[in-house]
Amino acid sequence: MNRSTVPKIVDHDARRRELVEIASQVIAKNGVEGATLRELAAEAGFSNGAIKPYFPTKDSLFEATFTHVFSRTNARIERRVRGLRGWDAVLAFAQEVLPLDAAALDEARVVVAYWALAAQSPATGQLMVQQQAQWRQWLTDWVAEALAAGEVRQGVSVSNAAEALLTFFEGAQIVGVIDPVGGSGRSLRGQLDQLIDGWAVWGSGSDKGDAEGESRDGAAG
């Protein structure tokens, strides 16, 4: 058989992942409005029509891209917090969520772009609702663990503290994108310290100093 007549085997799952990764890079660089299918196809080295079998519409590609970014972030969080409890887990969570380096800042740009779409479409916003539910549960569990360990001041509400942390982490992604001063790594870490110190009772066994000292590139921002 003539080898030239043998059809090329395409790994469609790998192709989808490649397109989603390229889309996240283009959205981080150009925003949603600048992430046209033509631009994405050019970045991927495909014809415009080659994207259609994988993502028939721009919206379907964006949904897959945002799902990918959220899933990737959550996978990193799960690895980082494994074996940690209470405030130590919260501080480890912060290392993966706060925009402390260039890669995390690009990730935040993609998330903020998604929020802009979700604000105009309740259906689009469902993905964010699911993401928030996961983060809310984690934060609530960790604050409850700190309370059980005697590391929370008397009178502090676990649910209110968890909600305040969720609001801070989500807001930090916006501030990190638009404000180089208040959104710097140093500033965001200082704000988080101030927030937690208002609730926490730090014991001698706490790893706060170690957790704060662990940062990805540029964390001192």
C-alpha atoms as a PDB file:
ATOM      1  CA  MET A   1       0.000   0.000   0.000  1.00  0.00           C
ATOM      2  CA  ASN A   2       1.208   3.466  -0.853  1.00  0.00           C
ATOM      3  CA  ARG A   3       1.917   5.181   2.450  1.00  0.00           C
ATOM      4  CA  SER A   4       0.719   8.486   1.049  1.00  0.00           C
ATOM      5  CA  THR A   5      -2.807   7.046   0.857  1.00  0.00           C
ATOM      6  CA  VAL A   6      -2.924   6.025   4.527  1.00  0.00           C
ATOM      7  CA  PRO A   7      -5.097   8.539   6.387  1.00  0.00           C
ATOM      8  CA  LYS A   8      -3.356  10.435   9.143  1.00  0.00           C
ATOM      9  CA  ILE A   9      -4.599   9.483  12.607  1.00  0.00           C
ATOM     10  CA  VAL A  10      -5.571  12.543  14.583  1.00  0.00           C
ATOM     11  CA  ASP A  11      -5.786  12.509  18.373  1.00  0.00           C
ATOM     12  CA  HIS A  12      -8.977  14.517  18.690  1.00  0.00           C
ATOM     13  CA  ASP A  13      -8.789  14.842  22.475  1.00  0.00           C
ATOM     14  CA  ALA A  14      -5.261  16.219  22.206  1.00  0.00           C
ATOM     15  CA  ARG A  15      -6.408  18.606  19.473  1.00  0.00           C
ATOM     16  CA  ARG A  16      -9.236  19.884  21.672  1.00  0.00           C
ATOM     17  CA  ARG A  17      -6.822  20.412  24.579  1.00  0.00           C
ATOM     18  CA  GLU A  18      -4.431  22.262  22.280  1.00  0.00           C
ATOM     19  CA  LEU A  19      -7.173  24.585  21.050  1.00  0.00           C
ATOM     20  CA  VAL A  20      -8.370  25.267  24.589  1.00  0.00           C
ATOM     21  CA  GLU A  21      -4.839  26.061  25.766  1.00  0.00           C
ATOM     22  CA  ILE A  22      -4.296  28.419  22.833  1.00  0.00           C
ATOM     23  CA  ALA A  23      -7.660  30.065  23.515  1.00  0.00           C
ATOM     24  CA  SER A  24      -6.668  30.722  27.138  1.00  0.00           C
ATOM     25  CA  GLN A  25      -3.450  32.388  25.962  1.00  0.00           C
ATOM     26  CA  VAL A  26      -5.234  34.545  23.384  1.00  0.00           C
ATOM     27  CA  ILE A  27      -7.943  35.592  25.864  1.00  0.00           C
ATOM     28  CA  ALA A  28      -5.282  36.519  28.435  1.00  0.00           C
ATOM     29  CA  LYS A  29      -3.512  38.629  25.805  1.00  0.00           C
ATOM     30  CA  ASN A  30      -6.408  40.139  23.840  1.00  0.00           C
ATOM     31  CA  GLY A  31      -9.503  39.674  25.979  1.00  0.00           C
ATOM     32  CA  VAL A  32     -12.697  37.945  24.866  1.00  0.00           C
ATOM     33  CA  GLU A  33     -13.447  40.476  22.145  1.00  0.00           C
ATOM     34  CA  GLY A  34     -10.019  39.994  20.621  1.00  0.00           C
ATOM     35  CA  ALA A  35     -10.209  36.202  20.734  1.00  0.00           C
ATOM     36  CA  THR A  36     -11.891  35.631  17.395  1.00  0.00           C
ATOM     37  CA  LEU A  37     -12.024  32.193  15.796  1.00  0.00           C
ATOM     38  CA  ARG A  38      -9.856  33.591  13.019  1.00  0.00           C
ATOM     39  CA  GLU A  39      -7.216  34.687  15.560  1.00  0.00           C
ATOM     40  CA  LEU A  40      -7.377  31.361  17.372  1.00  0.00           C
ATOM     41  CA  ALA A  41      -7.052  29.420  14.130  1.00  0.00           C
ATOM     42  CA  ALA A  42      -4.039  31.500  13.134  1.00  0.00           C
ATOM     43  CA  GLU A  43      -2.361  30.919  16.498  1.00  0.00           C
ATOM     44  CA  ALA A  44      -3.009  27.172  16.195  1.00  0.00           C
ATOM     45  CA  GLY A  45      -1.853  27.036  12.581  1.00  0.00           C
ATOM     46  CA  PHE A  46      -5.246  25.751  11.409  1.00  0.00           C
ATOM     47  CA  SER A  47      -7.749  26.951   8.875  1.00  0.00           C
ATOM     48  CA  ASN A  48     -10.839  28.635  10.288  1.00  0.00           C
ATOM     49  CA  GLY A  49     -12.967  25.635   9.359  1.00  0.00           C
ATOM     50  CA  ALA A  50     -10.663  23.191  11.132  1.00  0.00           C
ATOM     51  CA  ILE A  51     -11.871  24.473  14.525  1.00  0.00           C
ATOM     52  CA  LYS A  52     -15.567  23.941  13.773  1.00  0.00           C
ATOM     53  CA  PRO A  53     -15.633  20.136  14.278  1.00  0.00           C
ATOM     54  CA  TYR A  54     -14.271  20.633  17.787  1.00  0.00           C
ATOM     55  CA  PHE A  55     -16.024  23.850  18.753  1.00  0.00           C
ATOM     56  CA  PRO A  56     -18.925  24.804  16.476  1.00  0.00           C
ATOM     57  CA  THR A  57     -19.281  28.243  18.072  1.00  0.00           C
ATOM     58  CA  LYS A  58     -17.093  30.778  19.797  1.00  0.00           C
ATOM     59  CA  ASP A  59     -19.201  30.378  22.944  1.00  0.00           C
ATOM     60  CA  SER A  60     -18.591  26.615  23.065  1.00  0.00           C
ATOM     61  CA  LEU A  61     -14.826  27.200  22.819  1.00  0.00           C
ATOM     62  CA  PHE A  62     -14.930  29.840  25.544  1.00  0.00           C
ATOM     63  CA  GLU A  63     -16.919  27.588  27.878  1.00  0.00           C
ATOM     64  CA  ALA A  64     -14.406  24.779  27.367  1.00  0.00           C
ATOM     65  CA  THR A  65     -11.540  27.218  27.941  1.00  0.00           C
ATOM     66  CA  PHE A  66     -12.912  28.590  31.186  1.00  0.00           C
ATOM     67  CA  THR A  67     -13.726  25.074  32.416  1.00  0.00           C
ATOM     68  CA  HIS A  68     -10.137  24.086  31.640  1.00  0.00           C
ATOM     69  CA  VAL A  69      -8.692  27.048  33.556  1.00  0.00           C
ATOM     70  CA  PHE A  70     -10.896  26.450  36.599  1.00  0.00           C
ATOM     71  CA  SER A  71     -10.130  22.711  36.607  1.00  0.00           C
ATOM     72  CA  ARG A  72      -6.398  23.334  36.274  1.00  0.00           C
ATOM     73  CA  THR A  73      -6.459  25.773  39.185  1.00  0.00           C
ATOM     74  CA  ASN A  74      -8.432  23.381  41.389  1.00  0.00           C
ATOM     75  CA  ALA A  75      -6.070  20.499  40.590  1.00  0.00           C
ATOM     76  CA  ARG A  76      -3.123  22.637  41.727  1.00  0.00           C
ATOM     77  CA  ILE A  77      -4.989  23.609  44.895  1.00  0.00           C
ATOM     78  CA  GLU A  78      -5.708  19.975  45.751  1.00  0.00           C
ATOM     79  CA  ARG A  79      -2.048  19.065  45.338  1.00  0.00           C
ATOM     80  CA  ARG A  80      -0.856  22.062  47.362  1.00  0.00           C
ATOM     81  CA  VAL A  81      -3.201  21.578  50.342  1.00  0.00           C
ATOM     82  CA  ARG A  82      -2.853  17.805  50.595  1.00  0.00           C
ATOM     83  CA  GLY A  83      -2.144  16.955  54.222  1.00  0.00           C
ATOM     84  CA  LEU A  84      -2.788  20.510  55.478  1.00  0.00           C
ATOM     85  CA  ARG A  85      -5.584  21.712  57.730  1.00  0.00           C
ATOM     86  CA  GLY A  86      -7.012  24.941  59.071  1.00  0.00           C
ATOM     87  CA  TRP A  87      -5.173  28.198  58.418  1.00  0.00           C
ATOM     88  CA  ASP A  88      -2.221  26.347  56.914  1.00  0.00           C
ATOM     89  CA  ALA A  89      -4.543  25.049  54.187  1.00  0.00           C
ATOM     90  CA  VAL A  90      -5.963  28.541  53.609  1.00  0.00           C
ATOM     91  CA  LEU A  91      -2.470  30.008  53.189  1.00  0.00           C
ATOM     92  CA  ALA A  92      -1.500  27.199  50.811  1.00  0.00           C
ATOM     93  CA  PHE A  93      -4.704  27.804  48.845  1.00  0.00           C
ATOM     94  CA  ALA A  94      -3.684  31.454  48.522  1.00  0.00           C
ATOM     95  CA  GLN A  95      -0.430  30.478  46.811  1.00  0.00           C
ATOM     96  CA  GLU A  96      -2.406  28.897  43.965  1.00  0.00           C
ATOM     97  CA  VAL A  97      -5.195  31.461  43.661  1.00  0.00           C
ATOM     98  CA  LEU A  98      -3.579  34.856  44.127  1.00  0.00           C
ATOM     99  CA  PRO A  99      -1.991  36.332  40.956  1.00  0.00           C
ATOM    100  CA  LEU A 100       1.540  36.145  42.323  1.00  0.00           C
ATOM    101  CA  ASP A 101       3.408  35.460  39.093  1.00  0.00           C
ATOM    102  CA  ALA A 102       3.033  35.958  35.337  1.00  0.00           C
ATOM    103  CA  ALA A 103       1.302  32.619  34.751  1.00  0.00           C
ATOM    104  CA  ALA A 104      -1.209  33.171  37.567  1.00  0.00           C
ATOM    105  CA  LEU A 105      -1.820  36.721  36.339  1.00  0.00           C
ATOM    106  CA  ASP A 106      -2.666  35.413  32.852  1.00  0.00           C
ATOM    107  CA  GLU A 107      -4.988  32.898  34.486  1.00  0.00           C
ATOM    108  CA  ALA A 108      -6.666  35.740  36.392  1.00  0.00           C
ATOM    109  CA  ARG A 109      -7.130  37.663  33.123  1.00  0.00           C
ATOM    110  CA  VAL A 110      -9.008  34.693  31.676  1.00  0.00           C
ATOM    111  CA  VAL A 111     -11.189  34.407  34.797  1.00  0.00           C
ATOM    112  CA  VAL A 112     -11.986  38.133  34.810  1.00  0.00           C
ATOM    113  CA  ALA A 113     -12.921  37.903  31.113  1.00  0.00           C
ATOM    114  CA  TYR A 114     -15.297  35.077  32.010  1.00  0.00           C
ATOM    115  CA  TRP A 115     -16.883  37.125  34.779  1.00  0.00           C
ATOM    116  CA  ALA A 116     -17.622  39.902  32.287  1.00  0.00           C
ATOM    117  CA  LEU A 117     -19.544  37.419  30.144  1.00  0.00           C
ATOM    118  CA  ALA A 118     -21.234  35.791  33.145  1.00  0.00           C
ATOM    119  CA  ALA A 119     -22.484  39.162  34.374  1.00  0.00           C
ATOM    120  CA  GLN A 120     -24.575  39.444  31.214  1.00  0.00           C
ATOM    121  CA  SER A 121     -25.730  35.829  31.001  1.00  0.00           C
ATOM    122  CA  PRO A 122     -27.094  33.743  33.893  1.00  0.00           C
ATOM    123  CA  ALA A 123     -26.553  30.583  31.832  1.00  0.00           C
ATOM    124  CA  THR A 124     -22.887  31.432  31.321  1.00  0.00           C
ATOM    125  CA  GLY A 125     -22.595  32.272  34.999  1.00  0.00           C
ATOM    126  CA  GLN A 126     -23.469  28.733  36.092  1.00  0.00           C
ATOM    127  CA  LEU A 127     -19.858  27.655  35.677  1.00  0.00           C
ATOM    128  CA  MET A 128     -18.811  30.399  38.084  1.00  0.00           C
ATOM    129  CA  VAL A 129     -21.511  29.344  40.547  1.00  0.00           C
ATOM    130  CA  GLN A 130     -20.073  25.817  40.553  1.00  0.00           C
ATOM    131  CA  GLN A 131     -16.543  27.142  41.030  1.00  0.00           C
ATOM    132  CA  GLN A 132     -17.643  29.352  43.909  1.00  0.00           C
ATOM    133  CA  ALA A 133     -19.424  26.445  45.580  1.00  0.00           C
ATOM    134  CA  GLN A 134     -16.223  24.378  45.532  1.00  0.00           C
ATOM    135  CA  TRP A 135     -14.059  27.174  46.931  1.00  0.00           C
ATOM    136  CA  ARG A 136     -16.705  28.090  49.510  1.00  0.00           C
ATOM    137  CA  GLN A 137     -16.829  24.502  50.767  1.00  0.00           C
ATOM    138  CA  TRP A 138     -13.053  24.239  51.020  1.00  0.00           C
ATOM    139  CA  LEU A 139     -12.708  27.557  52.849  1.00  0.00           C
ATOM    140  CA  THR A 140     -15.578  26.744  55.213  1.00  0.00           C
ATOM    141  CA  ASP A 141     -14.040  23.363  56.052  1.00  0.00           C
ATOM    142  CA  TRP A 142     -10.611  24.883  56.705  1.00  0.00           C
ATOM    143  CA  VAL A 143     -11.926  27.676  58.937  1.00  0.00           C
ATOM    144  CA  ALA A 144     -13.984  25.072  60.841  1.00  0.00           C
ATOM    145  CA  GLU A 145     -10.826  22.995  61.295  1.00  0.00           C
ATOM    146  CA  ALA A 146      -9.010  26.043  62.643  1.00  0.00           C
ATOM    147  CA  LEU A 147     -11.878  26.646  65.059  1.00  0.00           C
ATOM    148  CA  ALA A 148     -11.762  23.032  66.243  1.00  0.00           C
ATOM    149  CA  ALA A 149      -8.006  23.389  66.793  1.00  0.00           C
ATOM    150  CA  GLY A 150      -8.508  26.482  68.967  1.00  0.00           C
ATOM    151  CA  GLU A 151      -7.005  28.772  66.303  1.00  0.00           C
ATOM    152  CA  VAL A 152     -10.021  31.054  65.835  1.00  0.00           C
ATOM    153  CA  ARG A 153     -10.901  33.931  68.128  1.00  0.00           C
ATOM    154  CA  GLN A 154     -14.047  33.685  70.190  1.00  0.00           C
ATOM    155  CA  GLY A 155     -17.139  35.050  68.464  1.00  0.00           C
ATOM    156  CA  VAL A 156     -15.857  34.620  64.902  1.00  0.00           C
ATOM    157  CA  SER A 157     -18.467  33.135  62.544  1.00  0.00           C
ATOM    158  CA  VAL A 158     -17.072  30.299  60.422  1.00  0.00           C
ATOM    159  CA  SER A 159     -19.473  30.990  57.555  1.00  0.00           C
ATOM    160  CA  ASN A 160     -18.850  34.747  57.574  1.00  0.00           C
ATOM    161  CA  ALA A 161     -15.081  34.267  57.674  1.00  0.00           C
ATOM    162  CA  ALA A 162     -15.258  31.796  54.782  1.00  0.00           C
ATOM    163  CA  GLU A 163     -17.385  34.199  52.736  1.00  0.00           C
ATOM    164  CA  ALA A 164     -14.998  37.066  53.458  1.00  0.00           C
ATOM    165  CA  LEU A 165     -12.082  34.931  52.292  1.00  0.00           C
ATOM    166  CA  LEU A 166     -13.952  33.912  49.139  1.00  0.00           C
ATOM    167  CA  THR A 167     -14.723  37.551  48.372  1.00  0.00           C
ATOM    168  CA  PHE A 168     -11.084  38.505  48.971  1.00  0.00           C
ATOM    169  CA  PHE A 169      -9.653  35.773  46.734  1.00  0.00           C
ATOM    170  CA  GLU A 170     -12.039  36.505  43.888  1.00  0.00           C
ATOM    171  CA  GLY A 171     -11.558  40.253  44.229  1.00  0.00           C
ATOM    172  CA  ALA A 172      -7.785  39.812  44.330  1.00  0.00           C
ATOM    173  CA  GLN A 173      -7.886  38.363  40.822  1.00  0.00           C
ATOM    174  CA  ILE A 174      -9.571  41.518  39.519  1.00  0.00           C
ATOM    175  CA  VAL A 175      -7.261  43.855  41.429  1.00  0.00           C
ATOM    176  CA  GLY A 176      -4.227  41.871  40.313  1.00  0.00           C
ATOM    177  CA  VAL A 177      -5.224  42.422  36.679  1.00  0.00           C
ATOM    178  CA  ILE A 178      -5.940  46.154  36.851  1.00  0.00           C
ATOM    179  CA  ASP A 179      -3.911  47.618  39.743  1.00  0.00           C
ATOM    180  CA  PRO A 180      -0.132  47.081  39.819  1.00  0.00           C
ATOM    181  CA  VAL A 181       0.086  48.651  43.293  1.00  0.00           C
ATOM    182  CA  GLY A 182      -2.802  47.202  45.299  1.00  0.00           C
ATOM    183  CA  GLY A 183      -2.663  44.042  43.201  1.00  0.00           C
ATOM    184  CA  SER A 184       1.036  43.338  43.652  1.00  0.00           C
ATOM    185  CA  GLY A 185       2.035  40.077  45.304  1.00  0.00           C
ATOM    186  CA  ARG A 186       3.393  41.900  48.339  1.00  0.00           C
ATOM    187  CA  SER A 187       0.217  43.935  48.764  1.00  0.00           C
ATOM    188  CA  LEU A 188      -2.179  41.010  48.315  1.00  0.00           C
ATOM    189  CA  ARG A 189      -0.268  38.850  50.772  1.00  0.00           C
ATOM    190  CA  GLY A 190      -0.249  41.678  53.298  1.00  0.00           C
ATOM    191  CA  GLN A 191      -4.006  42.150  52.886  1.00  0.00           C
ATOM    192  CA  LEU A 192      -4.602  38.435  53.428  1.00  0.00           C
ATOM    193  CA  ASP A 193      -2.397  38.433  56.532  1.00  0.00           C
ATOM    194  CA  GLN A 194      -4.369  41.356  57.945  1.00  0.00           C
ATOM    195  CA  LEU A 195      -7.650  39.616  57.237  1.00  0.00           C
ATOM    196  CA  ILE A 196      -6.676  36.311  58.821  1.00  0.00           C
ATOM    197  CA  ASP A 197      -4.906  37.914  61.778  1.00  0.00           C
ATOM    198  CA  GLY A 198      -8.238  39.488  62.723  1.00  0.00           C
ATOM    199  CA  TRP A 199      -9.680  36.027  63.274  1.00  0.00           C
ATOM    200  CA  ALA A 200      -6.761  33.746  64.076  1.00  0.00           C
ATOM    201  CA  VAL A 201      -5.126  32.603  67.277  1.00  0.00           C
ATOM    202  CA  TRP A 202      -1.674  31.458  66.173  1.00  0.00           C
ATOM    203  CA  GLY A 203      -0.251  28.605  68.192  1.00  0.00           C
ATOM    204  CA  SER A 204       3.345  27.474  68.379  1.00  0.00           C
ATOM    205  CA  GLY A 205       2.576  24.599  66.021  1.00  0.00           C
ATOM    206  CA  SER A 206       1.306  26.810  63.217  1.00  0.00           C
ATOM    207  CA  ASP A 207       3.181  26.853  59.920  1.00  0.00           C
ATOM    208  CA  LYS A 208       2.113  30.406  59.067  1.00  0.00           C
ATOM    209  CA  GLY A 209       5.631  31.650  58.564  1.00  0.00           C
ATOM    210  CA  ASP A 210       6.562  28.709  56.357  1.00  0.00           C
ATOM    211  CA  ALA A 211       3.415  28.993  54.267  1.00  0.00           C
ATOM    212  CA  GLU A 212       3.946  32.708  53.758  1.00  0.00           C
ATOM    213  CA  GLY A 213       7.547  32.145  52.806  1.00  0.00           C
ATOM    214  CA  GLU A 214       6.622  29.716  50.041  1.00  0.00           C
ATOM    215  CA  SER A 215       5.907  31.720  46.938  1.00  0.00           C
ATOM    216  CA  ARG A 216       6.064  31.206  43.249  1.00  0.00           C
ATOM    217  CA  ASP A 217       8.250  33.440  41.074  1.00  0.00           C
ATOM    218  CA  GLY A 218       7.444  37.104  41.559  1.00  0.00           C
ATOM    219  CA  ALA A 219       5.447  36.650  44.739  1.00  0.00           C
ATOM    220  CA  ALA A 220       7.165  39.578  46.364  1.00  0.00           C
ATOM    221  CA  GLY A 221       5.754  41.643  43.459  1.00  0.00           C
END
